[in-house]
Each structure stands twice: as structure tokens, then as C-alpha cells.
Amino acid sequence: MKTERTENTNKHFWQKFAKLYAPFMKKNRSTYNAICRNVTPYIAPDKDVLELACGTGQLTFLMAGTAGTWTATDYSENMIAEIKKRAAVCGVPNTTYEVQDATALRYNDGQFDVVLIANALHIMPHPETALKEIRRVLKRDGILLAPTFVYEKGVPKLLVAVMEKIGFKTYHKWTKAELCTAVSSCGFEIKSCDLIEGNPMPECVLIAGRGRHERA
């Protein structure tokens, strides 16, 4: 069975881009701050949080200190190497950093209170596989936090085309409504899906409960 690690052609892009990612994303600080304002009500000192696709810690270092434990993961070994370097300067003591494939997580069923996956579902060939794994590792009353770029009106198509030309592939060009449908079809119960200004396109800050019904 193929996983994101073996099938997703974006991994090569992230491996090459890891050292430049943190400086490149500095211009998005206002977007990350807006995401934090939307999702931090679901993070508390009694919560165990799993972060998927953590990159070099743009959200990790803003929010991890408010959780009980924070497990930051990425499927790019180079991204994890970079976040560990940054953690030596600005890390928090309750946080661990691991290489993980979002479609084949090495965690127990019901291990986490919250799973955060930011700007990653749309660049996975099979996000439904990752969503199934997220439901598995969430507690029954667990929460999914999934800020995701969406393709509403005004998205700069030329920029998207250039990014794909240099090796960054977007597999799903969802609108806000389509993102909600994709997540809810995997068993989650949508709590909110607010649009915020993002760069280079809007973000839908999707928040969902795990849902009570088990999926095959």
C-alpha cells in the first residue's frame, strides 16, 4: 500500500526547501497569528496535541506552550532537522519532534485530544487516508484543527502555476465548501470554517469534532 511518504511527489520539494522555509514564511506572520486566535481556545494545559506537517515550527512555537504535551511531526526529515535547530533557541520543554507519515501514524488509537494539520490536506494525493488516521488517533471527544488554503475568487492562478512548475504540486484545489465536504465525508463533524486572509490565497480555518460514528 502506498503512503504519502512514498507516493507524494511534494516530499522532494520540501526536502530541498527546508532550510529556506522559515525565512520565506516570515511574511505570513499575520496569517499565523490569525490562525492562532481561531484555534487556541481548543488547546489547554490538560490537552495532548499532535501536529502534522509542522514544517519548521511556524505554529509550533506560537502555541505549544499552551498545551500539556505537543508532538510536532513532519514527513520531511529535513524539516524535522530544521525545527530541532530552531527549538534549541525558541523551543518549549513540553514539545517533541518526530518524522511521521500522516497516512500511517505510529501512535495508539485515541492517544491525542487535538490534532493540528495546517496547509497540508490539499497537497496530499489521498487526504482521506490521513483523515482516517487522524480520527483513529483522536480521543472520542477529540478535535481536528485544519487551517487550509482554499481556492476562492481572486486566487493568483499564475503563482500557483509557477509553484507547480518548480515541483510543488497541489492535488486538491478546494473551495471552502468543498474542503468542509471532504473532511465531513471522513466522519468528522464540522464546528466552524472561517475564512481569513492568507498569502498567496485565503485560508479556511476548519475546526471539527471527531464524530461519533465509526467509518470502515
N, C-alpha and C. Protein backbone atom coordinates (compact mmCIF):
# COMPACT_ATOMS: atom_id res chain seq x y z
N MET A 1 0.84 -1.20 0.00
CA MET A 1 0.00 0.00 0.00
C MET A 1 0.88 1.25 0.00
N LYS A 2 0.62 2.15 -0.91
CA LYS A 2 1.41 3.38 -0.98
C LYS A 2 0.97 4.33 0.13
N THR A 3 1.90 5.13 0.61
CA THR A 3 1.60 6.14 1.60
C THR A 3 2.06 7.48 1.07
N GLU A 4 1.76 8.57 1.81
CA GLU A 4 2.22 9.88 1.40
C GLU A 4 3.74 9.89 1.27
N ARG A 5 4.42 9.15 2.14
CA ARG A 5 5.88 9.14 2.13
C ARG A 5 6.42 8.64 0.79
N THR A 6 5.78 7.62 0.21
CA THR A 6 6.31 7.02 -1.00
C THR A 6 5.69 7.58 -2.26
N GLU A 7 4.45 8.11 -2.15
CA GLU A 7 3.74 8.50 -3.36
C GLU A 7 3.76 10.00 -3.62
N ASN A 8 3.77 10.80 -2.58
CA ASN A 8 3.61 12.24 -2.74
C ASN A 8 4.88 12.88 -3.29
N THR A 9 4.80 13.37 -4.51
CA THR A 9 5.98 13.96 -5.15
C THR A 9 6.40 15.26 -4.48
N ASN A 10 5.55 15.83 -3.62
CA ASN A 10 5.92 17.05 -2.93
C ASN A 10 7.04 16.84 -1.92
N LYS A 11 7.28 15.61 -1.49
CA LYS A 11 8.30 15.41 -0.46
C LYS A 11 9.66 15.89 -0.95
N HIS A 12 10.00 15.63 -2.18
CA HIS A 12 11.29 16.07 -2.72
C HIS A 12 11.39 17.59 -2.65
N PHE A 13 10.29 18.28 -2.95
CA PHE A 13 10.25 19.74 -2.88
C PHE A 13 10.54 20.21 -1.46
N TRP A 14 9.87 19.62 -0.47
CA TRP A 14 10.05 20.06 0.91
C TRP A 14 11.45 19.74 1.43
N GLN A 15 12.00 18.62 1.01
CA GLN A 15 13.35 18.28 1.43
C GLN A 15 14.34 19.36 0.96
N LYS A 16 14.18 19.82 -0.27
CA LYS A 16 15.09 20.84 -0.82
C LYS A 16 14.84 22.22 -0.20
N PHE A 17 13.58 22.47 0.16
CA PHE A 17 13.17 23.81 0.58
C PHE A 17 13.29 24.02 2.09
N ALA A 18 13.62 22.99 2.84
CA ALA A 18 13.55 23.04 4.31
C ALA A 18 14.35 24.19 4.91
N LYS A 19 15.58 24.39 4.44
CA LYS A 19 16.44 25.43 5.03
C LYS A 19 15.92 26.84 4.76
N LEU A 20 15.16 27.01 3.69
CA LEU A 20 14.66 28.33 3.32
C LEU A 20 13.25 28.59 3.83
N TYR A 21 12.62 27.56 4.38
CA TYR A 21 11.19 27.66 4.70
C TYR A 21 10.90 28.71 5.77
N ALA A 22 11.64 28.69 6.87
CA ALA A 22 11.38 29.64 7.96
C ALA A 22 11.54 31.10 7.51
N PRO A 23 12.66 31.46 6.82
CA PRO A 23 12.77 32.85 6.34
C PRO A 23 11.67 33.22 5.35
N PHE A 24 11.32 32.27 4.47
CA PHE A 24 10.31 32.54 3.45
C PHE A 24 8.95 32.82 4.07
N MET A 25 8.62 32.12 5.17
CA MET A 25 7.29 32.23 5.76
C MET A 25 7.15 33.39 6.74
N LYS A 26 8.22 34.14 6.98
CA LYS A 26 8.12 35.26 7.91
C LYS A 26 7.07 36.27 7.49
N LYS A 27 6.89 36.42 6.18
CA LYS A 27 5.92 37.40 5.69
C LYS A 27 4.49 36.99 6.00
N ASN A 28 4.29 35.73 6.41
CA ASN A 28 2.95 35.24 6.73
C ASN A 28 2.64 35.29 8.22
N ARG A 29 3.43 36.03 8.98
CA ARG A 29 3.24 36.05 10.44
C ARG A 29 1.82 36.46 10.82
N SER A 30 1.25 37.45 10.11
CA SER A 30 -0.10 37.90 10.46
C SER A 30 -1.12 36.79 10.24
N THR A 31 -0.91 35.97 9.20
CA THR A 31 -1.81 34.85 8.96
C THR A 31 -1.70 33.83 10.07
N TYR A 32 -0.48 33.50 10.48
CA TYR A 32 -0.29 32.54 11.57
C TYR A 32 -0.90 33.06 12.87
N ASN A 33 -0.77 34.35 13.12
CA ASN A 33 -1.37 34.92 14.32
C ASN A 33 -2.89 34.80 14.28
N ALA A 34 -3.48 35.00 13.09
CA ALA A 34 -4.93 34.87 12.95
C ALA A 34 -5.36 33.42 13.16
N ILE A 35 -4.59 32.48 12.64
CA ILE A 35 -4.89 31.07 12.87
C ILE A 35 -4.88 30.77 14.36
N CYS A 36 -3.86 31.27 15.04
CA CYS A 36 -3.75 31.02 16.49
C CYS A 36 -4.96 31.55 17.24
N ARG A 37 -5.42 32.72 16.88
CA ARG A 37 -6.59 33.29 17.56
C ARG A 37 -7.82 32.40 17.39
N ASN A 38 -7.92 31.75 16.25
CA ASN A 38 -9.07 30.88 15.98
C ASN A 38 -8.99 29.54 16.68
N VAL A 39 -7.79 28.99 16.83
CA VAL A 39 -7.69 27.60 17.31
C VAL A 39 -7.25 27.46 18.76
N THR A 40 -6.62 28.48 19.34
CA THR A 40 -6.12 28.32 20.71
C THR A 40 -7.20 28.04 21.75
N PRO A 41 -8.47 28.42 21.54
CA PRO A 41 -9.48 28.03 22.53
C PRO A 41 -9.61 26.52 22.71
N TYR A 42 -9.12 25.75 21.75
CA TYR A 42 -9.22 24.29 21.83
C TYR A 42 -7.96 23.64 22.41
N ILE A 43 -6.98 24.46 22.77
CA ILE A 43 -5.71 23.95 23.30
C ILE A 43 -5.58 24.43 24.74
N ALA A 44 -5.26 23.49 25.64
CA ALA A 44 -5.20 23.82 27.06
C ALA A 44 -4.15 22.96 27.74
N PRO A 45 -3.77 23.31 28.98
CA PRO A 45 -2.72 22.56 29.69
C PRO A 45 -3.05 21.09 29.94
N ASP A 46 -4.32 20.71 29.82
CA ASP A 46 -4.67 19.30 30.01
C ASP A 46 -4.84 18.55 28.68
N LYS A 47 -4.39 19.15 27.58
CA LYS A 47 -4.56 18.55 26.26
C LYS A 47 -3.24 18.03 25.69
N ASP A 48 -3.30 16.84 25.11
CA ASP A 48 -2.17 16.28 24.35
C ASP A 48 -2.42 16.57 22.88
N VAL A 49 -1.51 17.30 22.26
CA VAL A 49 -1.71 17.78 20.89
C VAL A 49 -0.71 17.11 19.95
N LEU A 50 -1.22 16.65 18.81
CA LEU A 50 -0.39 16.15 17.72
C LEU A 50 -0.45 17.15 16.58
N GLU A 51 0.70 17.61 16.14
CA GLU A 51 0.77 18.49 14.97
C GLU A 51 1.36 17.72 13.80
N LEU A 52 0.63 17.67 12.70
CA LEU A 52 1.11 17.05 11.47
C LEU A 52 1.54 18.15 10.50
N ALA A 53 2.55 17.85 9.68
CA ALA A 53 3.06 18.83 8.71
C ALA A 53 3.50 20.11 9.42
N CYS A 54 4.33 19.96 10.44
CA CYS A 54 4.72 21.10 11.27
C CYS A 54 5.69 22.04 10.57
N GLY A 55 6.32 21.60 9.48
CA GLY A 55 7.30 22.45 8.82
C GLY A 55 8.45 22.76 9.76
N THR A 56 8.83 24.02 9.83
CA THR A 56 9.92 24.42 10.72
C THR A 56 9.42 25.13 11.97
N GLY A 57 8.12 24.93 12.28
CA GLY A 57 7.61 25.38 13.57
C GLY A 57 6.87 26.70 13.58
N GLN A 58 6.31 27.12 12.45
CA GLN A 58 5.64 28.41 12.38
C GLN A 58 4.47 28.49 13.37
N LEU A 59 3.72 27.41 13.53
CA LEU A 59 2.65 27.37 14.52
C LEU A 59 3.11 26.72 15.82
N THR A 60 4.04 25.80 15.71
CA THR A 60 4.52 25.07 16.88
C THR A 60 4.95 26.01 17.99
N PHE A 61 5.85 26.91 17.66
CA PHE A 61 6.44 27.77 18.69
C PHE A 61 5.48 28.85 19.18
N LEU A 62 4.42 29.11 18.42
CA LEU A 62 3.41 30.07 18.87
C LEU A 62 2.44 29.46 19.86
N MET A 63 2.18 28.13 19.75
CA MET A 63 1.09 27.54 20.52
C MET A 63 1.48 26.42 21.46
N ALA A 64 2.60 25.77 21.24
CA ALA A 64 2.91 24.56 22.00
C ALA A 64 2.93 24.79 23.50
N GLY A 65 3.35 25.97 23.92
CA GLY A 65 3.45 26.25 25.35
C GLY A 65 2.12 26.27 26.07
N THR A 66 1.00 26.33 25.32
CA THR A 66 -0.32 26.36 25.95
C THR A 66 -0.92 24.97 26.13
N ALA A 67 -0.25 23.94 25.61
CA ALA A 67 -0.75 22.57 25.70
C ALA A 67 -0.08 21.82 26.85
N GLY A 68 -0.64 20.65 27.17
CA GLY A 68 0.02 19.77 28.13
C GLY A 68 1.26 19.15 27.51
N THR A 69 1.06 18.46 26.38
CA THR A 69 2.17 17.95 25.57
C THR A 69 1.89 18.32 24.12
N TRP A 70 2.98 18.48 23.36
CA TRP A 70 2.85 18.84 21.94
C TRP A 70 3.84 17.97 21.16
N THR A 71 3.32 17.17 20.24
CA THR A 71 4.15 16.33 19.39
C THR A 71 4.13 16.91 17.99
N ALA A 72 5.24 17.50 17.57
CA ALA A 72 5.34 18.14 16.26
C ALA A 72 5.96 17.17 15.27
N THR A 73 5.27 16.91 14.16
CA THR A 73 5.74 15.92 13.20
C THR A 73 5.68 16.47 11.78
N ASP A 74 6.52 15.88 10.94
CA ASP A 74 6.52 16.19 9.51
C ASP A 74 7.07 14.96 8.79
N TYR A 75 6.66 14.75 7.56
CA TYR A 75 7.19 13.59 6.83
C TYR A 75 8.50 13.89 6.13
N SER A 76 8.94 15.15 6.16
CA SER A 76 10.24 15.52 5.62
C SER A 76 11.29 15.48 6.73
N GLU A 77 12.27 14.62 6.56
CA GLU A 77 13.34 14.53 7.56
C GLU A 77 14.08 15.86 7.69
N ASN A 78 14.24 16.57 6.58
CA ASN A 78 14.95 17.84 6.61
C ASN A 78 14.17 18.91 7.37
N MET A 79 12.85 18.89 7.26
CA MET A 79 12.03 19.83 8.03
C MET A 79 12.20 19.57 9.53
N ILE A 80 12.19 18.31 9.93
CA ILE A 80 12.37 17.99 11.34
C ILE A 80 13.76 18.39 11.82
N ALA A 81 14.76 18.22 10.98
CA ALA A 81 16.11 18.66 11.34
C ALA A 81 16.14 20.17 11.58
N GLU A 82 15.43 20.92 10.73
CA GLU A 82 15.41 22.37 10.86
C GLU A 82 14.63 22.82 12.09
N ILE A 83 13.50 22.17 12.37
CA ILE A 83 12.71 22.59 13.53
C ILE A 83 13.46 22.28 14.82
N LYS A 84 14.25 21.22 14.83
CA LYS A 84 15.05 20.91 16.01
C LYS A 84 16.12 21.98 16.24
N LYS A 85 16.69 22.49 15.15
CA LYS A 85 17.66 23.58 15.28
C LYS A 85 17.00 24.83 15.86
N ARG A 86 15.82 25.15 15.37
CA ARG A 86 15.11 26.32 15.88
C ARG A 86 14.68 26.11 17.32
N ALA A 87 14.34 24.87 17.66
CA ALA A 87 13.89 24.56 19.03
C ALA A 87 14.99 24.80 20.05
N ALA A 88 16.22 24.65 19.62
CA ALA A 88 17.34 24.89 20.54
C ALA A 88 17.38 26.34 20.99
N VAL A 89 16.76 27.22 20.18
CA VAL A 89 16.74 28.66 20.50
C VAL A 89 15.39 29.09 21.07
N CYS A 90 14.31 28.63 20.43
CA CYS A 90 12.98 29.14 20.81
C CYS A 90 11.99 28.04 21.15
N GLY A 91 12.46 26.83 21.39
CA GLY A 91 11.56 25.72 21.68
C GLY A 91 10.95 25.80 23.07
N VAL A 92 9.98 24.92 23.32
CA VAL A 92 9.33 24.83 24.62
C VAL A 92 9.52 23.41 25.16
N PRO A 93 9.63 23.26 26.49
CA PRO A 93 10.04 21.97 27.06
C PRO A 93 9.04 20.84 26.92
N ASN A 94 7.77 21.14 26.64
CA ASN A 94 6.77 20.08 26.55
C ASN A 94 6.63 19.50 25.15
N THR A 95 7.56 19.84 24.24
CA THR A 95 7.41 19.52 22.82
C THR A 95 8.45 18.50 22.36
N THR A 96 7.99 17.52 21.57
CA THR A 96 8.88 16.56 20.93
C THR A 96 8.74 16.70 19.42
N TYR A 97 9.76 16.27 18.68
CA TYR A 97 9.81 16.45 17.23
C TYR A 97 10.11 15.10 16.58
N GLU A 98 9.24 14.67 15.65
CA GLU A 98 9.37 13.34 15.08
C GLU A 98 9.04 13.36 13.59
N VAL A 99 9.69 12.46 12.85
CA VAL A 99 9.31 12.21 11.46
C VAL A 99 8.13 11.24 11.47
N GLN A 100 7.03 11.63 10.85
CA GLN A 100 5.84 10.79 10.78
C GLN A 100 5.17 10.95 9.43
N ASP A 101 4.62 9.86 8.94
CA ASP A 101 3.80 9.85 7.73
C ASP A 101 2.35 10.00 8.18
N ALA A 102 1.69 11.06 7.77
CA ALA A 102 0.32 11.33 8.22
C ALA A 102 -0.67 10.25 7.82
N THR A 103 -0.33 9.44 6.82
CA THR A 103 -1.23 8.38 6.38
C THR A 103 -0.93 7.04 7.05
N ALA A 104 0.08 6.99 7.89
CA ALA A 104 0.44 5.74 8.59
C ALA A 104 1.10 6.11 9.92
N LEU A 105 0.34 6.72 10.79
CA LEU A 105 0.87 7.24 12.05
C LEU A 105 1.23 6.11 13.02
N ARG A 106 2.36 6.27 13.68
CA ARG A 106 2.83 5.27 14.64
C ARG A 106 2.40 5.67 16.06
N TYR A 107 1.10 5.86 16.22
CA TYR A 107 0.56 6.21 17.53
C TYR A 107 -0.62 5.30 17.85
N ASN A 108 -0.94 5.23 19.13
CA ASN A 108 -2.05 4.39 19.58
C ASN A 108 -3.40 5.01 19.24
N ASP A 109 -4.41 4.18 19.15
CA ASP A 109 -5.77 4.67 18.97
C ASP A 109 -6.13 5.57 20.16
N GLY A 110 -6.80 6.67 19.87
CA GLY A 110 -7.28 7.55 20.93
C GLY A 110 -6.21 8.17 21.79
N GLN A 111 -5.04 8.44 21.23
CA GLN A 111 -3.92 8.93 22.03
C GLN A 111 -3.95 10.45 22.26
N PHE A 112 -4.60 11.20 21.34
CA PHE A 112 -4.49 12.66 21.38
C PHE A 112 -5.86 13.33 21.56
N ASP A 113 -5.83 14.47 22.25
CA ASP A 113 -7.03 15.29 22.41
C ASP A 113 -7.28 16.16 21.19
N VAL A 114 -6.19 16.62 20.58
CA VAL A 114 -6.28 17.56 19.46
C VAL A 114 -5.26 17.16 18.40
N VAL A 115 -5.66 17.23 17.13
CA VAL A 115 -4.72 17.09 16.02
C VAL A 115 -4.79 18.36 15.18
N LEU A 116 -3.63 18.96 14.96
CA LEU A 116 -3.50 20.16 14.12
C LEU A 116 -2.78 19.78 12.84
N ILE A 117 -3.39 20.10 11.70
CA ILE A 117 -2.73 19.89 10.41
C ILE A 117 -2.99 21.13 9.57
N ALA A 118 -1.96 21.94 9.39
CA ALA A 118 -2.12 23.24 8.73
C ALA A 118 -1.55 23.22 7.31
N ASN A 119 -2.39 23.60 6.36
CA ASN A 119 -1.96 23.78 4.96
C ASN A 119 -1.28 22.54 4.40
N ALA A 120 -1.89 21.39 4.62
CA ALA A 120 -1.31 20.14 4.13
C ALA A 120 -2.31 19.24 3.43
N LEU A 121 -3.56 19.23 3.85
CA LEU A 121 -4.52 18.29 3.26
C LEU A 121 -4.64 18.47 1.75
N HIS A 122 -4.58 19.71 1.28
CA HIS A 122 -4.79 19.97 -0.15
C HIS A 122 -3.59 19.57 -1.01
N ILE A 123 -2.44 19.33 -0.39
CA ILE A 123 -1.26 18.92 -1.16
C ILE A 123 -0.94 17.44 -0.96
N MET A 124 -1.91 16.70 -0.42
CA MET A 124 -1.78 15.24 -0.30
C MET A 124 -2.56 14.57 -1.42
N PRO A 125 -1.99 13.54 -2.06
CA PRO A 125 -2.74 12.83 -3.09
C PRO A 125 -4.01 12.19 -2.54
N HIS A 126 -3.94 11.68 -1.30
CA HIS A 126 -5.07 10.97 -0.70
C HIS A 126 -5.32 11.49 0.72
N PRO A 127 -5.86 12.70 0.85
CA PRO A 127 -6.08 13.26 2.19
C PRO A 127 -7.05 12.44 3.03
N GLU A 128 -7.93 11.69 2.36
CA GLU A 128 -8.87 10.88 3.13
C GLU A 128 -8.16 9.82 3.96
N THR A 129 -7.01 9.36 3.48
CA THR A 129 -6.23 8.38 4.25
C THR A 129 -5.66 9.03 5.50
N ALA A 130 -5.16 10.25 5.37
CA ALA A 130 -4.66 10.98 6.53
C ALA A 130 -5.79 11.29 7.50
N LEU A 131 -6.95 11.68 6.99
CA LEU A 131 -8.08 12.00 7.86
C LEU A 131 -8.55 10.76 8.62
N LYS A 132 -8.50 9.61 7.99
CA LYS A 132 -8.85 8.37 8.68
C LYS A 132 -7.88 8.10 9.82
N GLU A 133 -6.60 8.32 9.58
CA GLU A 133 -5.59 8.13 10.62
C GLU A 133 -5.77 9.16 11.75
N ILE A 134 -6.11 10.38 11.39
CA ILE A 134 -6.34 11.40 12.41
C ILE A 134 -7.50 10.99 13.31
N ARG A 135 -8.59 10.51 12.72
CA ARG A 135 -9.73 10.05 13.53
C ARG A 135 -9.31 8.90 14.44
N ARG A 136 -8.45 8.04 13.95
CA ARG A 136 -8.03 6.88 14.75
C ARG A 136 -7.26 7.32 15.99
N VAL A 137 -6.35 8.27 15.85
CA VAL A 137 -5.50 8.65 16.98
C VAL A 137 -6.16 9.69 17.90
N LEU A 138 -7.30 10.25 17.48
CA LEU A 138 -8.02 11.19 18.33
C LEU A 138 -8.86 10.45 19.36
N LYS A 139 -8.97 11.05 20.54
CA LYS A 139 -9.91 10.55 21.54
C LYS A 139 -11.33 10.75 21.02
N ARG A 140 -12.28 10.08 21.63
CA ARG A 140 -13.65 10.11 21.11
C ARG A 140 -14.24 11.52 21.07
N ASP A 141 -13.80 12.36 22.01
CA ASP A 141 -14.26 13.75 22.01
C ASP A 141 -13.19 14.69 21.45
N GLY A 142 -12.27 14.14 20.65
CA GLY A 142 -11.15 14.91 20.13
C GLY A 142 -11.53 15.93 19.07
N ILE A 143 -10.58 16.83 18.82
CA ILE A 143 -10.82 17.95 17.91
C ILE A 143 -9.75 17.97 16.81
N LEU A 144 -10.20 18.18 15.57
CA LEU A 144 -9.32 18.40 14.43
C LEU A 144 -9.27 19.89 14.13
N LEU A 145 -8.06 20.43 14.04
CA LEU A 145 -7.83 21.81 13.63
C LEU A 145 -7.11 21.76 12.29
N ALA A 146 -7.76 22.24 11.23
CA ALA A 146 -7.20 22.06 9.89
C ALA A 146 -7.25 23.35 9.06
N PRO A 147 -6.45 24.36 9.41
CA PRO A 147 -6.36 25.54 8.55
C PRO A 147 -5.81 25.14 7.18
N THR A 148 -6.50 25.52 6.13
CA THR A 148 -6.14 25.03 4.79
C THR A 148 -6.35 26.13 3.76
N PHE A 149 -5.38 26.29 2.86
CA PHE A 149 -5.55 27.22 1.75
C PHE A 149 -6.73 26.77 0.89
N VAL A 150 -7.57 27.72 0.50
CA VAL A 150 -8.71 27.39 -0.36
C VAL A 150 -8.72 28.31 -1.58
N TYR A 151 -9.37 27.82 -2.61
CA TYR A 151 -9.34 28.48 -3.91
C TYR A 151 -10.64 29.24 -4.14
N GLU A 152 -10.79 30.32 -3.40
CA GLU A 152 -11.93 31.20 -3.60
C GLU A 152 -11.60 32.18 -4.72
N LYS A 153 -12.51 33.09 -5.01
CA LYS A 153 -12.29 34.07 -6.08
C LYS A 153 -11.07 34.93 -5.77
N GLY A 154 -10.30 35.23 -6.80
CA GLY A 154 -9.16 36.11 -6.64
C GLY A 154 -7.84 35.42 -6.40
N VAL A 155 -7.83 34.09 -6.39
CA VAL A 155 -6.58 33.37 -6.19
C VAL A 155 -5.68 33.59 -7.40
N PRO A 156 -4.41 33.96 -7.18
CA PRO A 156 -3.48 34.22 -8.30
C PRO A 156 -3.08 32.92 -9.00
N LYS A 157 -3.76 32.60 -10.08
CA LYS A 157 -3.53 31.33 -10.77
C LYS A 157 -2.12 31.24 -11.34
N LEU A 158 -1.54 32.37 -11.73
CA LEU A 158 -0.19 32.35 -12.29
C LEU A 158 0.81 31.88 -11.24
N LEU A 159 0.68 32.38 -10.01
CA LEU A 159 1.59 31.97 -8.94
C LEU A 159 1.47 30.48 -8.67
N VAL A 160 0.25 29.97 -8.65
CA VAL A 160 0.04 28.54 -8.44
C VAL A 160 0.70 27.75 -9.55
N ALA A 161 0.57 28.21 -10.79
CA ALA A 161 1.17 27.52 -11.93
C ALA A 161 2.69 27.52 -11.82
N VAL A 162 3.28 28.63 -11.39
CA VAL A 162 4.73 28.72 -11.23
C VAL A 162 5.21 27.75 -10.16
N MET A 163 4.50 27.69 -9.04
CA MET A 163 4.88 26.78 -7.95
C MET A 163 4.85 25.33 -8.41
N GLU A 164 3.84 24.98 -9.19
CA GLU A 164 3.76 23.62 -9.70
C GLU A 164 4.88 23.35 -10.70
N LYS A 165 5.28 24.38 -11.42
CA LYS A 165 6.36 24.23 -12.41
C LYS A 165 7.68 23.90 -11.73
N ILE A 166 7.91 24.45 -10.52
CA ILE A 166 9.18 24.21 -9.83
C ILE A 166 9.12 22.99 -8.91
N GLY A 167 8.01 22.26 -8.96
CA GLY A 167 7.96 20.99 -8.24
C GLY A 167 6.98 20.90 -7.10
N PHE A 168 6.21 21.95 -6.84
CA PHE A 168 5.22 21.94 -5.76
C PHE A 168 3.85 21.66 -6.36
N LYS A 169 3.27 20.53 -6.01
CA LYS A 169 2.02 20.12 -6.64
C LYS A 169 0.86 20.26 -5.65
N THR A 170 -0.20 20.91 -6.11
CA THR A 170 -1.45 20.97 -5.35
C THR A 170 -2.41 19.94 -5.93
N TYR A 171 -2.79 18.97 -5.11
CA TYR A 171 -3.65 17.89 -5.60
C TYR A 171 -5.13 18.25 -5.54
N HIS A 172 -5.50 19.16 -4.63
CA HIS A 172 -6.92 19.47 -4.43
C HIS A 172 -7.09 20.98 -4.33
N LYS A 173 -7.73 21.56 -5.32
CA LYS A 173 -8.00 23.00 -5.33
C LYS A 173 -9.42 23.23 -4.81
N TRP A 174 -9.58 22.99 -3.51
CA TRP A 174 -10.89 23.08 -2.88
C TRP A 174 -11.33 24.52 -2.64
N THR A 175 -12.63 24.77 -2.74
CA THR A 175 -13.23 25.96 -2.15
C THR A 175 -13.48 25.65 -0.68
N LYS A 176 -13.90 26.66 0.06
CA LYS A 176 -14.25 26.46 1.47
C LYS A 176 -15.30 25.36 1.62
N ALA A 177 -16.34 25.41 0.81
CA ALA A 177 -17.41 24.41 0.90
C ALA A 177 -16.90 23.02 0.57
N GLU A 178 -16.04 22.92 -0.44
CA GLU A 178 -15.51 21.62 -0.84
C GLU A 178 -14.59 21.04 0.22
N LEU A 179 -13.81 21.89 0.89
CA LEU A 179 -12.97 21.41 1.99
C LEU A 179 -13.84 20.84 3.11
N CYS A 180 -14.89 21.55 3.47
CA CYS A 180 -15.79 21.05 4.52
C CYS A 180 -16.39 19.71 4.13
N THR A 181 -16.77 19.57 2.88
CA THR A 181 -17.34 18.30 2.41
C THR A 181 -16.32 17.18 2.48
N ALA A 182 -15.08 17.46 2.07
CA ALA A 182 -14.03 16.44 2.10
C ALA A 182 -13.77 15.95 3.52
N VAL A 183 -13.77 16.86 4.48
CA VAL A 183 -13.50 16.49 5.87
C VAL A 183 -14.70 15.77 6.49
N SER A 184 -15.88 16.30 6.28
CA SER A 184 -17.07 15.68 6.87
C SER A 184 -17.35 14.31 6.28
N SER A 185 -16.96 14.08 5.03
CA SER A 185 -17.18 12.77 4.41
C SER A 185 -16.33 11.68 5.05
N CYS A 186 -15.33 12.08 5.82
CA CYS A 186 -14.48 11.11 6.53
C CYS A 186 -14.93 10.91 7.97
N GLY A 187 -16.12 11.42 8.31
CA GLY A 187 -16.69 11.15 9.62
C GLY A 187 -16.63 12.28 10.61
N PHE A 188 -15.95 13.37 10.27
CA PHE A 188 -15.82 14.49 11.20
C PHE A 188 -17.09 15.35 11.19
N GLU A 189 -17.33 16.01 12.31
CA GLU A 189 -18.46 16.91 12.44
C GLU A 189 -17.93 18.35 12.47
N ILE A 190 -18.22 19.11 11.44
CA ILE A 190 -17.69 20.46 11.31
C ILE A 190 -18.28 21.37 12.39
N LYS A 191 -17.40 22.05 13.12
CA LYS A 191 -17.82 23.01 14.13
C LYS A 191 -17.80 24.43 13.58
N SER A 192 -16.77 24.75 12.82
CA SER A 192 -16.67 26.07 12.21
C SER A 192 -15.69 26.00 11.05
N CYS A 193 -15.80 26.96 10.13
CA CYS A 193 -14.90 27.00 8.97
C CYS A 193 -14.80 28.45 8.50
N ASP A 194 -14.04 29.23 9.24
CA ASP A 194 -13.95 30.66 8.99
C ASP A 194 -12.85 30.99 7.98
N LEU A 195 -13.15 31.89 7.07
CA LEU A 195 -12.15 32.36 6.11
C LEU A 195 -11.34 33.50 6.72
N ILE A 196 -10.01 33.44 6.54
CA ILE A 196 -9.14 34.53 6.94
C ILE A 196 -8.24 34.88 5.76
N GLU A 197 -7.67 36.06 5.81
CA GLU A 197 -6.76 36.47 4.74
C GLU A 197 -5.46 35.69 4.84
N GLY A 198 -5.01 35.14 3.72
CA GLY A 198 -3.76 34.39 3.69
C GLY A 198 -2.88 34.83 2.55
N ASN A 199 -1.72 34.22 2.45
CA ASN A 199 -0.77 34.55 1.39
C ASN A 199 -0.18 33.24 0.86
N PRO A 200 -0.40 32.87 -0.40
CA PRO A 200 -0.89 33.70 -1.50
C PRO A 200 -2.39 33.62 -1.73
N MET A 201 -3.13 32.92 -0.86
CA MET A 201 -4.56 32.75 -1.06
C MET A 201 -5.26 32.68 0.29
N PRO A 202 -6.58 32.77 0.31
CA PRO A 202 -7.30 32.73 1.58
C PRO A 202 -7.10 31.40 2.30
N GLU A 203 -7.29 31.44 3.62
CA GLU A 203 -7.25 30.23 4.43
C GLU A 203 -8.63 29.99 5.03
N CYS A 204 -9.02 28.73 5.04
CA CYS A 204 -10.21 28.32 5.76
C CYS A 204 -9.74 27.65 7.05
N VAL A 205 -10.04 28.27 8.19
CA VAL A 205 -9.66 27.68 9.47
C VAL A 205 -10.78 26.73 9.88
N LEU A 206 -10.62 25.47 9.49
CA LEU A 206 -11.64 24.46 9.73
C LEU A 206 -11.41 23.81 11.08
N ILE A 207 -12.45 23.74 11.88
CA ILE A 207 -12.41 23.08 13.19
C ILE A 207 -13.53 22.05 13.21
N ALA A 208 -13.18 20.82 13.58
CA ALA A 208 -14.15 19.73 13.52
C ALA A 208 -14.00 18.79 14.70
N GLY A 209 -15.13 18.25 15.15
CA GLY A 209 -15.10 17.19 16.15
C GLY A 209 -14.84 15.86 15.48
N ARG A 210 -14.35 14.91 16.24
CA ARG A 210 -14.02 13.60 15.68
C ARG A 210 -15.24 12.90 15.09
N GLY A 211 -16.39 13.13 15.66
CA GLY A 211 -17.58 12.43 15.20
C GLY A 211 -17.74 11.11 15.92
N ARG A 212 -18.96 10.70 16.13
CA ARG A 212 -19.22 9.51 16.95
C ARG A 212 -19.31 8.23 16.15
N HIS A 213 -19.63 8.33 14.88
CA HIS A 213 -19.84 7.13 14.08
C HIS A 213 -18.53 6.64 13.50
N GLU A 214 -18.25 5.37 13.68
CA GLU A 214 -17.03 4.79 13.14
C GLU A 214 -17.18 4.56 11.65
N ARG A 215 -16.07 4.78 10.91
CA ARG A 215 -16.07 4.55 9.47
C ARG A 215 -15.22 3.33 9.16
N ALA A 216 -15.64 2.61 8.14
CA ALA A 216 -14.88 1.41 7.74
C ALA A 216 -13.56 1.81 7.13
